[in-house]
Amino acid sequence: MATGSDFIVLDTSVVSILFNEAADERFFFFQERVAGRPGLISFQTTEELLYWRNAGAWGKTRTMRLRRHIARYQIVWPDEDLVDLSARLRADLKRAGRTLDAPDAWIAATALRLQCPLASDDRDFRHIPGLHLIQPH
């Protein structure tokens, strides 16, 4: 399994920004930071992207474009250690008076376990100890 700072875990928000190629400051920020680094995504990100496709009743062309985009990344699938880390992360944050939804916990746990930075446009990750977060703001 890929680990270390040469790799980067991308949150669903970042994959979506890059997929949609929105010519805004976030697109350019993440494009610059991801360039030349192998990208990893959690299985959870894959699920969220496919959910959006299904909920939006996307056509064949856009669906194929999404599948090609997802194929750019290595998908990290859960194992017993990742499940345990995600559960501990949520429990630790709850004891600290913070909440983290299960989908975000999977993504954060993936980055923590692999010791990779996490690129995200989501503020929910800001209070996670030990997480190297790459954000535009």
N, C-alpha and C. Protein backbone atom coordinates (compact mmCIF):
# COMPACT_ATOMS: atom_id res chain seq x y z
N MET A 1 0.85 -1.18 0.00
CA MET A 1 0.00 0.00 0.00
C MET A 1 0.89 1.24 0.00
N ALA A 2 0.49 2.22 -0.75
CA ALA A 2 1.23 3.48 -0.85
C ALA A 2 1.16 4.24 0.47
N THR A 3 2.30 4.78 0.88
CA THR A 3 2.32 5.61 2.08
C THR A 3 3.32 6.73 1.90
N GLY A 4 3.18 7.76 2.72
CA GLY A 4 4.17 8.82 2.76
C GLY A 4 3.76 10.09 2.06
N SER A 5 4.62 11.08 2.21
CA SER A 5 4.29 12.41 1.73
C SER A 5 4.38 12.57 0.22
N ASP A 6 4.95 11.59 -0.50
CA ASP A 6 4.95 11.68 -1.96
C ASP A 6 3.54 11.48 -2.51
N PHE A 7 2.72 10.78 -1.75
CA PHE A 7 1.34 10.51 -2.14
C PHE A 7 0.44 11.55 -1.49
N ILE A 8 -0.76 11.65 -2.01
CA ILE A 8 -1.74 12.58 -1.44
C ILE A 8 -3.12 11.93 -1.50
N VAL A 9 -3.83 12.00 -0.39
CA VAL A 9 -5.21 11.52 -0.36
C VAL A 9 -6.10 12.70 -0.72
N LEU A 10 -7.02 12.48 -1.62
CA LEU A 10 -7.94 13.53 -2.05
C LEU A 10 -9.32 13.26 -1.49
N ASP A 11 -9.87 14.25 -0.83
CA ASP A 11 -11.24 14.18 -0.32
C ASP A 11 -12.20 14.28 -1.51
N THR A 12 -13.42 13.87 -1.30
CA THR A 12 -14.43 13.91 -2.35
C THR A 12 -14.59 15.31 -2.92
N SER A 13 -14.52 16.32 -2.08
CA SER A 13 -14.67 17.69 -2.57
C SER A 13 -13.60 18.03 -3.60
N VAL A 14 -12.38 17.60 -3.36
CA VAL A 14 -11.28 17.90 -4.28
C VAL A 14 -11.42 17.11 -5.58
N VAL A 15 -11.77 15.85 -5.48
CA VAL A 15 -11.97 15.06 -6.70
C VAL A 15 -13.07 15.69 -7.54
N SER A 16 -14.12 16.15 -6.90
CA SER A 16 -15.22 16.79 -7.61
C SER A 16 -14.76 18.10 -8.27
N ILE A 17 -14.01 18.91 -7.55
CA ILE A 17 -13.50 20.17 -8.11
C ILE A 17 -12.63 19.89 -9.34
N LEU A 18 -11.76 18.90 -9.24
CA LEU A 18 -10.88 18.57 -10.36
C LEU A 18 -11.66 17.94 -11.52
N PHE A 19 -12.65 17.12 -11.21
CA PHE A 19 -13.47 16.49 -12.25
C PHE A 19 -14.25 17.54 -13.03
N ASN A 20 -14.82 18.49 -12.31
CA ASN A 20 -15.66 19.51 -12.96
C ASN A 20 -14.84 20.60 -13.65
N GLU A 21 -13.54 20.63 -13.38
CA GLU A 21 -12.63 21.59 -14.01
C GLU A 21 -13.15 23.02 -13.95
N ALA A 22 -13.72 23.36 -12.81
CA ALA A 22 -14.21 24.72 -12.62
C ALA A 22 -13.02 25.67 -12.58
N ALA A 23 -13.03 26.63 -13.44
CA ALA A 23 -11.91 27.58 -13.52
C ALA A 23 -12.03 28.62 -12.41
N ASP A 24 -11.88 28.16 -11.17
CA ASP A 24 -11.91 29.08 -10.04
C ASP A 24 -10.65 28.87 -9.21
N GLU A 25 -10.49 29.66 -8.18
CA GLU A 25 -9.26 29.62 -7.39
C GLU A 25 -9.03 28.26 -6.73
N ARG A 26 -10.11 27.58 -6.31
CA ARG A 26 -9.96 26.26 -5.69
C ARG A 26 -9.41 25.25 -6.69
N PHE A 27 -9.91 25.26 -7.91
CA PHE A 27 -9.43 24.34 -8.95
C PHE A 27 -7.93 24.52 -9.16
N PHE A 28 -7.49 25.75 -9.34
CA PHE A 28 -6.08 26.01 -9.59
C PHE A 28 -5.22 25.68 -8.36
N PHE A 29 -5.73 25.95 -7.16
CA PHE A 29 -5.02 25.63 -5.94
C PHE A 29 -4.75 24.13 -5.86
N PHE A 30 -5.82 23.32 -6.02
CA PHE A 30 -5.66 21.87 -5.88
C PHE A 30 -4.92 21.26 -7.06
N GLN A 31 -5.16 21.77 -8.24
CA GLN A 31 -4.46 21.26 -9.42
C GLN A 31 -2.95 21.41 -9.23
N GLU A 32 -2.53 22.54 -8.71
CA GLU A 32 -1.11 22.79 -8.48
C GLU A 32 -0.52 21.85 -7.43
N ARG A 33 -1.26 21.57 -6.37
CA ARG A 33 -0.75 20.75 -5.29
C ARG A 33 -0.80 19.26 -5.59
N VAL A 34 -1.67 18.86 -6.47
CA VAL A 34 -1.81 17.44 -6.83
C VAL A 34 -0.86 17.07 -7.97
N ALA A 35 -0.51 18.01 -8.79
CA ALA A 35 0.31 17.75 -9.98
C ALA A 35 1.59 17.00 -9.62
N GLY A 36 1.81 15.89 -10.31
CA GLY A 36 3.03 15.11 -10.14
C GLY A 36 3.03 14.19 -8.93
N ARG A 37 1.97 14.17 -8.16
CA ARG A 37 1.89 13.30 -6.99
C ARG A 37 0.85 12.21 -7.23
N PRO A 38 1.17 10.98 -6.91
CA PRO A 38 0.15 9.94 -7.03
C PRO A 38 -1.01 10.21 -6.08
N GLY A 39 -2.21 10.21 -6.62
CA GLY A 39 -3.39 10.49 -5.82
C GLY A 39 -4.07 9.23 -5.34
N LEU A 40 -4.49 9.26 -4.10
CA LEU A 40 -5.22 8.16 -3.49
C LEU A 40 -6.59 8.67 -3.10
N ILE A 41 -7.60 7.82 -3.22
CA ILE A 41 -8.93 8.17 -2.74
C ILE A 41 -9.48 7.01 -1.92
N SER A 42 -10.23 7.36 -0.92
CA SER A 42 -10.92 6.37 -0.11
C SER A 42 -12.04 5.73 -0.92
N PHE A 43 -12.35 4.49 -0.59
CA PHE A 43 -13.52 3.84 -1.19
C PHE A 43 -14.75 4.71 -0.96
N GLN A 44 -14.78 5.45 0.15
CA GLN A 44 -15.92 6.31 0.48
C GLN A 44 -16.09 7.42 -0.56
N THR A 45 -14.99 7.97 -1.02
CA THR A 45 -15.05 8.99 -2.06
C THR A 45 -15.63 8.39 -3.34
N THR A 46 -15.20 7.19 -3.67
CA THR A 46 -15.74 6.51 -4.86
C THR A 46 -17.25 6.34 -4.73
N GLU A 47 -17.71 5.93 -3.56
CA GLU A 47 -19.14 5.75 -3.33
C GLU A 47 -19.89 7.05 -3.49
N GLU A 48 -19.35 8.13 -2.93
CA GLU A 48 -20.02 9.42 -3.02
C GLU A 48 -20.12 9.91 -4.46
N LEU A 49 -19.05 9.73 -5.22
CA LEU A 49 -19.07 10.14 -6.63
C LEU A 49 -20.10 9.34 -7.43
N LEU A 50 -20.16 8.04 -7.18
CA LEU A 50 -21.13 7.21 -7.89
C LEU A 50 -22.56 7.50 -7.44
N TYR A 51 -22.72 7.87 -6.18
CA TYR A 51 -24.04 8.28 -5.70
C TYR A 51 -24.50 9.52 -6.47
N TRP A 52 -23.61 10.51 -6.58
CA TRP A 52 -23.98 11.73 -7.30
C TRP A 52 -24.37 11.41 -8.74
N ARG A 53 -23.65 10.49 -9.34
CA ARG A 53 -23.99 10.09 -10.71
C ARG A 53 -25.39 9.49 -10.75
N ASN A 54 -25.66 8.59 -9.83
CA ASN A 54 -26.97 7.93 -9.81
C ASN A 54 -28.10 8.89 -9.45
N ALA A 55 -27.87 9.74 -8.47
CA ALA A 55 -28.90 10.68 -8.04
C ALA A 55 -29.18 11.72 -9.11
N GLY A 56 -28.15 12.06 -9.88
CA GLY A 56 -28.31 13.07 -10.92
C GLY A 56 -28.71 12.51 -12.27
N ALA A 57 -28.86 11.19 -12.33
CA ALA A 57 -29.24 10.52 -13.59
C ALA A 57 -28.36 10.99 -14.75
N TRP A 58 -27.06 10.91 -14.53
CA TRP A 58 -26.12 11.35 -15.55
C TRP A 58 -26.23 10.49 -16.80
N GLY A 59 -25.91 11.07 -17.92
CA GLY A 59 -25.90 10.34 -19.18
C GLY A 59 -24.63 9.51 -19.33
N LYS A 60 -24.58 8.77 -20.41
CA LYS A 60 -23.47 7.85 -20.66
C LYS A 60 -22.14 8.59 -20.82
N THR A 61 -22.12 9.71 -21.51
CA THR A 61 -20.87 10.43 -21.75
C THR A 61 -20.27 10.95 -20.45
N ARG A 62 -21.08 11.58 -19.62
CA ARG A 62 -20.56 12.11 -18.36
C ARG A 62 -20.17 10.97 -17.41
N THR A 63 -20.93 9.89 -17.42
CA THR A 63 -20.61 8.73 -16.59
C THR A 63 -19.26 8.13 -16.99
N MET A 64 -19.02 8.00 -18.28
CA MET A 64 -17.73 7.47 -18.75
C MET A 64 -16.59 8.42 -18.37
N ARG A 65 -16.84 9.71 -18.46
CA ARG A 65 -15.82 10.70 -18.07
C ARG A 65 -15.50 10.57 -16.58
N LEU A 66 -16.53 10.36 -15.76
CA LEU A 66 -16.32 10.16 -14.33
C LEU A 66 -15.51 8.90 -14.07
N ARG A 67 -15.84 7.82 -14.74
CA ARG A 67 -15.10 6.56 -14.54
C ARG A 67 -13.63 6.73 -14.92
N ARG A 68 -13.36 7.46 -16.01
CA ARG A 68 -11.97 7.72 -16.40
C ARG A 68 -11.27 8.58 -15.35
N HIS A 69 -12.01 9.54 -14.80
CA HIS A 69 -11.43 10.41 -13.77
C HIS A 69 -11.09 9.59 -12.51
N ILE A 70 -12.01 8.75 -12.07
CA ILE A 70 -11.77 7.91 -10.89
C ILE A 70 -10.56 7.00 -11.13
N ALA A 71 -10.40 6.52 -12.34
CA ALA A 71 -9.30 5.60 -12.67
C ALA A 71 -7.92 6.26 -12.52
N ARG A 72 -7.87 7.58 -12.44
CA ARG A 72 -6.59 8.28 -12.23
C ARG A 72 -6.02 8.02 -10.84
N TYR A 73 -6.88 7.62 -9.94
CA TYR A 73 -6.49 7.48 -8.54
C TYR A 73 -6.46 6.02 -8.12
N GLN A 74 -5.63 5.76 -7.12
CA GLN A 74 -5.64 4.44 -6.50
C GLN A 74 -6.69 4.47 -5.40
N ILE A 75 -7.61 3.52 -5.42
CA ILE A 75 -8.67 3.47 -4.41
C ILE A 75 -8.15 2.65 -3.22
N VAL A 76 -8.33 3.21 -2.03
CA VAL A 76 -7.94 2.53 -0.80
C VAL A 76 -9.19 1.88 -0.21
N TRP A 77 -9.16 0.56 -0.15
CA TRP A 77 -10.30 -0.21 0.37
C TRP A 77 -10.11 -0.48 1.85
N PRO A 78 -11.20 -0.62 2.61
CA PRO A 78 -11.07 -0.82 4.05
C PRO A 78 -10.58 -2.21 4.41
N ASP A 79 -9.82 -2.26 5.48
CA ASP A 79 -9.46 -3.52 6.11
C ASP A 79 -9.71 -3.34 7.61
N GLU A 80 -9.39 -4.33 8.39
CA GLU A 80 -9.70 -4.27 9.82
C GLU A 80 -9.02 -3.08 10.51
N ASP A 81 -7.78 -2.79 10.14
CA ASP A 81 -7.06 -1.67 10.77
C ASP A 81 -7.70 -0.33 10.42
N LEU A 82 -8.12 -0.16 9.18
CA LEU A 82 -8.75 1.11 8.78
C LEU A 82 -10.10 1.28 9.47
N VAL A 83 -10.84 0.19 9.58
CA VAL A 83 -12.13 0.25 10.28
C VAL A 83 -11.92 0.67 11.73
N ASP A 84 -10.93 0.07 12.39
CA ASP A 84 -10.65 0.40 13.79
C ASP A 84 -10.21 1.85 13.93
N LEU A 85 -9.33 2.30 13.06
CA LEU A 85 -8.85 3.68 13.13
C LEU A 85 -9.99 4.68 12.92
N SER A 86 -10.85 4.42 11.96
CA SER A 86 -11.98 5.31 11.71
C SER A 86 -12.89 5.39 12.93
N ALA A 87 -13.18 4.24 13.55
CA ALA A 87 -14.04 4.22 14.73
C ALA A 87 -13.39 4.94 15.91
N ARG A 88 -12.09 4.72 16.11
CA ARG A 88 -11.39 5.41 17.20
C ARG A 88 -11.35 6.91 16.98
N LEU A 89 -11.14 7.31 15.74
CA LEU A 89 -11.10 8.74 15.40
C LEU A 89 -12.42 9.42 15.76
N ARG A 90 -13.53 8.82 15.36
CA ARG A 90 -14.83 9.39 15.68
C ARG A 90 -15.07 9.46 17.18
N ALA A 91 -14.69 8.39 17.89
CA ALA A 91 -14.89 8.35 19.34
C ALA A 91 -14.01 9.39 20.04
N ASP A 92 -12.76 9.50 19.63
CA ASP A 92 -11.85 10.49 20.23
C ASP A 92 -12.37 11.91 20.02
N LEU A 93 -12.84 12.20 18.82
CA LEU A 93 -13.37 13.53 18.54
C LEU A 93 -14.64 13.81 19.35
N LYS A 94 -15.47 12.79 19.50
CA LYS A 94 -16.70 12.96 20.28
C LYS A 94 -16.35 13.29 21.73
N ARG A 95 -15.34 12.60 22.29
CA ARG A 95 -14.91 12.89 23.67
C ARG A 95 -14.36 14.32 23.78
N ALA A 96 -13.81 14.82 22.68
CA ALA A 96 -13.27 16.19 22.67
C ALA A 96 -14.34 17.23 22.35
N GLY A 97 -15.60 16.79 22.24
CA GLY A 97 -16.70 17.71 22.00
C GLY A 97 -16.92 18.05 20.53
N ARG A 98 -16.35 17.26 19.64
CA ARG A 98 -16.50 17.50 18.19
C ARG A 98 -17.16 16.29 17.55
N THR A 99 -17.79 16.52 16.43
CA THR A 99 -18.38 15.40 15.70
C THR A 99 -17.72 15.28 14.32
N LEU A 100 -17.71 14.08 13.82
CA LEU A 100 -17.21 13.80 12.48
C LEU A 100 -18.09 12.72 11.90
N ASP A 101 -18.73 13.02 10.78
CA ASP A 101 -19.59 12.04 10.14
C ASP A 101 -18.76 10.84 9.67
N ALA A 102 -19.40 9.68 9.60
CA ALA A 102 -18.71 8.46 9.21
C ALA A 102 -18.00 8.59 7.86
N PRO A 103 -18.63 9.18 6.82
CA PRO A 103 -17.91 9.29 5.55
C PRO A 103 -16.60 10.09 5.68
N ASP A 104 -16.63 11.19 6.42
CA ASP A 104 -15.41 11.98 6.61
C ASP A 104 -14.39 11.22 7.47
N ALA A 105 -14.87 10.44 8.42
CA ALA A 105 -13.96 9.65 9.25
C ALA A 105 -13.21 8.62 8.42
N TRP A 106 -13.90 7.98 7.48
CA TRP A 106 -13.22 7.03 6.58
C TRP A 106 -12.10 7.72 5.82
N ILE A 107 -12.38 8.89 5.30
CA ILE A 107 -11.41 9.62 4.47
C ILE A 107 -10.23 10.09 5.32
N ALA A 108 -10.51 10.66 6.48
CA ALA A 108 -9.44 11.10 7.36
C ALA A 108 -8.60 9.93 7.84
N ALA A 109 -9.25 8.84 8.21
CA ALA A 109 -8.53 7.65 8.68
C ALA A 109 -7.62 7.10 7.58
N THR A 110 -8.06 7.20 6.34
CA THR A 110 -7.24 6.74 5.22
C THR A 110 -5.94 7.54 5.16
N ALA A 111 -6.05 8.85 5.25
CA ALA A 111 -4.85 9.70 5.21
C ALA A 111 -3.96 9.45 6.43
N LEU A 112 -4.55 9.34 7.59
CA LEU A 112 -3.77 9.11 8.80
C LEU A 112 -3.04 7.77 8.75
N ARG A 113 -3.75 6.74 8.34
CA ARG A 113 -3.16 5.41 8.30
C ARG A 113 -2.00 5.34 7.32
N LEU A 114 -2.15 5.99 6.18
CA LEU A 114 -1.12 5.95 5.15
C LEU A 114 -0.04 7.01 5.35
N GLN A 115 -0.23 7.85 6.37
CA GLN A 115 0.70 8.95 6.67
C GLN A 115 0.90 9.86 5.46
N CYS A 116 -0.23 10.17 4.81
CA CYS A 116 -0.25 11.03 3.64
C CYS A 116 -1.02 12.31 3.97
N PRO A 117 -0.68 13.40 3.32
CA PRO A 117 -1.51 14.60 3.50
C PRO A 117 -2.89 14.38 2.87
N LEU A 118 -3.85 15.11 3.37
CA LEU A 118 -5.22 15.07 2.85
C LEU A 118 -5.54 16.42 2.22
N ALA A 119 -5.87 16.41 0.94
CA ALA A 119 -6.33 17.62 0.25
C ALA A 119 -7.85 17.66 0.36
N SER A 120 -8.36 18.75 0.92
CA SER A 120 -9.80 18.86 1.12
C SER A 120 -10.24 20.31 1.11
N ASP A 121 -11.46 20.52 0.67
CA ASP A 121 -12.10 21.83 0.74
C ASP A 121 -13.11 21.86 1.89
N ASP A 122 -13.10 20.80 2.69
CA ASP A 122 -14.07 20.58 3.76
C ASP A 122 -13.47 21.01 5.10
N ARG A 123 -14.13 21.88 5.82
CA ARG A 123 -13.63 22.38 7.10
C ARG A 123 -13.76 21.36 8.23
N ASP A 124 -14.52 20.29 8.03
CA ASP A 124 -14.72 19.29 9.09
C ASP A 124 -13.44 18.58 9.50
N PHE A 125 -12.40 18.65 8.69
CA PHE A 125 -11.16 17.95 8.98
C PHE A 125 -10.17 18.78 9.80
N ARG A 126 -10.47 20.03 10.04
CA ARG A 126 -9.50 20.95 10.64
C ARG A 126 -9.06 20.61 12.06
N HIS A 127 -9.83 19.88 12.80
CA HIS A 127 -9.52 19.63 14.21
C HIS A 127 -9.08 18.19 14.47
N ILE A 128 -8.55 17.55 13.46
CA ILE A 128 -8.13 16.16 13.62
C ILE A 128 -6.63 16.13 13.92
N PRO A 129 -6.28 15.69 15.12
CA PRO A 129 -4.87 15.64 15.50
C PRO A 129 -4.05 14.75 14.57
N GLY A 130 -2.89 15.26 14.19
CA GLY A 130 -1.96 14.47 13.38
C GLY A 130 -2.25 14.45 11.89
N LEU A 131 -3.33 15.08 11.48
CA LEU A 131 -3.70 15.08 10.06
C LEU A 131 -3.03 16.26 9.36
N HIS A 132 -2.25 15.97 8.34
CA HIS A 132 -1.63 17.02 7.52
C HIS A 132 -2.64 17.41 6.46
N LEU A 133 -3.21 18.57 6.60
CA LEU A 133 -4.32 19.02 5.76
C LEU A 133 -3.84 20.06 4.74
N ILE A 134 -4.22 19.88 3.50
CA ILE A 134 -3.93 20.83 2.44
C ILE A 134 -5.25 21.47 2.03
N GLN A 135 -5.39 22.78 2.34
CA GLN A 135 -6.62 23.51 2.05
C GLN A 135 -6.29 24.90 1.53
N PRO A 136 -7.19 25.44 0.71
CA PRO A 136 -6.94 26.79 0.17
C PRO A 136 -7.24 27.91 1.16
N HIS A 137 -7.91 27.63 2.25
CA HIS A 137 -8.29 28.70 3.18
C HIS A 137 -7.95 28.35 4.59
